Amino acid sequence: MIRSLLFITLASAVLYGFPTMSFAFGKHHNLNEADPNFVRDANSSVVLDKKRKLLYYDQKPSKKMTFGEAKAYCENLTYLGADDWYLPSKEQMRTLINNKRRDTTIKYAFTNVLADIYWSGTEANYKKAWYFDFDLGRYGKQKMQRKYRAFCVREMK
């Protein structure tokens, strides 16, 4: 039964074509669709979220690390004379995904965020935390011992 279903599914895909998907990152093609609330300061390598008054660190991507290491990475960051950086919450990370178009992208002002998985600073339940996949535009909970990337944020004062 399962083999028949699999065969029918594959045959349909071959006959009618596979759906095409595209995920864009880095330098974006249509800047008219850029979110005006996110502004990059290229001199400082930061992105300002004007609506929420947040400043995101957008230098070279971090290495992959556990959830605890990612939290420590941001908490120990001193940049632009500030030492109050932290790992963004699940809600803050959710505002970064632009999935209103066919392409799933991070907001346009970011240039150093990879199409990869990043930790949020929000713990979920027993030994799990929320992650965001900036390649597929999805998020969920994962064991804290997994290794994902991190980027940091701070509130504007």
Protein backbone atom coordinates (compact mmCIF):
# COMPACT_ATOMS: atom_id res chain seq x y z
CA MET A 1 0.00 0.00 0.00
CA ILE A 2 2.75 2.44 0.99
CA ARG A 3 4.79 1.53 -2.10
CA SER A 4 1.78 2.19 -4.33
CA LEU A 5 1.18 5.57 -2.72
CA LEU A 6 4.84 6.50 -3.05
CA PHE A 7 4.87 5.41 -6.71
CA ILE A 8 1.74 7.46 -7.50
CA THR A 9 3.19 10.52 -5.77
CA LEU A 10 6.50 10.27 -7.64
CA ALA A 11 4.75 9.59 -10.95
CA SER A 12 2.57 12.68 -10.46
CA ALA A 13 5.62 14.78 -9.69
CA VAL A 14 7.38 13.59 -12.84
CA LEU A 15 4.32 14.10 -15.03
CA TYR A 16 3.28 17.50 -13.70
CA GLY A 17 6.62 18.86 -12.56
CA PHE A 18 8.07 19.49 -9.14
CA PRO A 19 7.04 22.73 -7.43
CA THR A 20 9.78 25.33 -7.56
CA MET A 21 10.85 27.24 -4.51
CA SER A 22 13.40 29.96 -4.10
CA PHE A 23 15.05 31.32 -1.00
CA ALA A 24 16.95 34.58 -1.28
CA PHE A 25 19.58 35.89 1.12
CA GLY A 26 22.23 38.55 1.34
CA LYS A 27 21.92 41.02 -1.51
CA HIS A 28 18.28 41.25 -2.48
CA HIS A 29 16.92 41.89 -5.91
CA ASN A 30 13.92 44.16 -5.38
CA LEU A 31 14.70 46.85 -2.86
CA ASN A 32 11.23 48.35 -3.40
CA GLU A 33 9.95 45.51 -1.23
CA ALA A 34 12.40 46.24 1.58
CA ASP A 35 10.95 46.80 5.04
CA PRO A 36 11.58 50.51 5.82
CA ASN A 37 11.67 49.76 9.56
CA PHE A 38 14.99 47.93 9.17
CA VAL A 39 17.94 50.19 8.37
CA ARG A 40 21.55 49.10 8.04
CA ASP A 41 24.44 51.22 9.27
CA ALA A 42 27.22 49.87 7.08
CA ASN A 43 29.91 51.77 9.01
CA SER A 44 28.96 50.07 12.28
CA SER A 45 27.72 46.75 10.82
CA VAL A 46 24.46 46.96 12.74
CA VAL A 47 20.81 46.91 11.71
CA LEU A 48 18.33 49.18 13.43
CA ASP A 49 14.74 48.07 13.85
CA LYS A 50 13.18 51.54 14.06
CA LYS A 51 9.71 50.26 14.93
CA ARG A 52 10.81 48.24 17.96
CA LYS A 53 13.88 50.35 18.82
CA LEU A 54 16.28 47.41 18.62
CA LEU A 55 19.83 47.26 17.33
CA TYR A 56 21.04 43.98 15.75
CA TYR A 57 24.70 43.06 15.49
CA ASP A 58 25.35 42.18 11.82
CA GLN A 59 29.04 41.43 11.52
CA LYS A 60 30.52 38.14 10.36
CA PRO A 61 28.34 35.12 11.17
CA SER A 62 29.03 33.27 14.41
CA LYS A 63 30.27 29.71 14.52
CA LYS A 64 27.73 27.01 15.37
CA MET A 65 27.25 26.54 19.11
CA THR A 66 24.90 25.09 21.71
CA PHE A 67 22.08 27.18 23.17
CA GLY A 68 24.07 27.92 26.35
CA GLU A 69 27.13 28.94 24.33
CA ALA A 70 24.96 31.18 22.11
CA LYS A 71 23.48 32.97 25.15
CA ALA A 72 26.97 33.46 26.61
CA TYR A 73 28.29 34.68 23.23
CA CYS A 74 25.77 37.53 23.18
CA GLU A 75 25.95 38.32 26.90
CA ASN A 76 29.75 38.63 26.66
CA LEU A 77 29.69 40.78 23.51
CA THR A 78 31.01 44.31 23.89
CA TYR A 79 30.48 46.33 20.73
CA LEU A 80 30.01 50.05 20.03
CA GLY A 81 30.72 50.73 23.70
CA ALA A 82 27.74 48.61 24.81
CA ASP A 83 27.84 45.40 26.82
CA ASP A 84 24.09 44.75 27.13
CA TRP A 85 23.70 42.54 24.05
CA TYR A 86 21.55 39.40 24.29
CA LEU A 87 20.19 36.56 22.17
CA PRO A 88 16.90 37.77 20.59
CA SER A 89 13.63 36.34 21.89
CA LYS A 90 11.36 34.14 19.81
CA GLU A 91 9.06 37.13 19.23
CA GLN A 92 11.95 39.36 18.12
CA MET A 93 13.24 36.68 15.76
CA ARG A 94 9.79 36.18 14.25
CA THR A 95 9.75 39.83 13.13
CA LEU A 96 12.91 39.22 11.07
CA ILE A 97 11.41 36.72 8.66
CA ASN A 98 9.89 38.17 5.51
CA ASN A 99 7.55 35.50 4.17
CA LYS A 100 5.05 37.73 2.40
CA ARG A 101 6.62 36.93 -0.96
CA ARG A 102 7.41 33.75 -2.83
CA ASP A 103 10.99 33.97 -1.56
CA THR A 104 11.48 33.48 2.16
CA THR A 105 14.09 35.94 3.34
CA ILE A 106 15.36 37.69 6.38
CA LYS A 107 14.56 41.40 6.37
CA TYR A 108 16.58 43.17 3.70
CA ALA A 109 18.89 45.31 5.80
CA PHE A 110 20.86 42.28 7.03
CA THR A 111 23.86 41.26 4.94
CA ASN A 112 25.75 38.83 7.19
CA VAL A 113 22.97 36.48 8.29
CA LEU A 114 23.37 33.15 6.51
CA ALA A 115 20.63 30.91 5.14
CA ASP A 116 21.08 28.72 8.20
CA ILE A 117 19.56 27.92 11.59
CA TYR A 118 19.93 30.38 14.50
CA TRP A 119 19.06 30.13 18.18
CA SER A 120 16.53 32.47 19.75
CA GLY A 121 16.93 33.33 23.42
CA THR A 122 13.60 31.77 24.37
CA GLU A 123 13.63 28.47 26.22
CA ALA A 124 10.75 26.13 25.39
CA ASN A 125 10.39 23.19 27.73
CA TYR A 126 12.65 20.60 29.30
CA LYS A 127 16.11 21.04 27.72
CA LYS A 128 14.72 22.64 24.55
CA ALA A 129 14.82 26.17 23.10
CA TRP A 130 13.36 27.91 20.08
CA TYR A 131 15.36 28.09 16.85
CA PHE A 132 14.78 29.93 13.55
CA ASP A 133 15.67 28.57 10.13
CA PHE A 134 16.44 31.53 7.87
CA ASP A 135 16.73 29.19 4.89
CA LEU A 136 13.26 27.68 4.98
CA GLY A 137 11.44 30.42 6.92
CA ARG A 138 10.37 28.16 9.75
CA TYR A 139 10.94 27.91 13.48
CA GLY A 140 10.45 25.37 16.22
CA LYS A 141 11.89 23.82 19.38
CA GLN A 142 15.07 21.80 19.50
CA LYS A 143 17.35 20.27 22.13
CA MET A 144 19.71 22.86 23.61
CA GLN A 145 22.73 20.68 22.86
CA ARG A 146 22.24 21.06 19.10
CA LYS A 147 24.66 23.47 17.44
CA TYR A 148 23.21 26.44 15.60
CA ARG A 149 24.40 29.98 14.92
CA ALA A 150 23.70 33.11 16.98
CA PHE A 151 23.38 36.80 16.41
CA CYS A 152 22.84 39.43 19.06
CA VAL A 153 20.50 42.32 19.75
CA ARG A 154 20.23 45.19 22.23
CA GLU A 155 17.62 47.80 23.02
CA MET A 156 18.26 51.38 21.86
CA LYS A 157 18.68 53.84 24.69
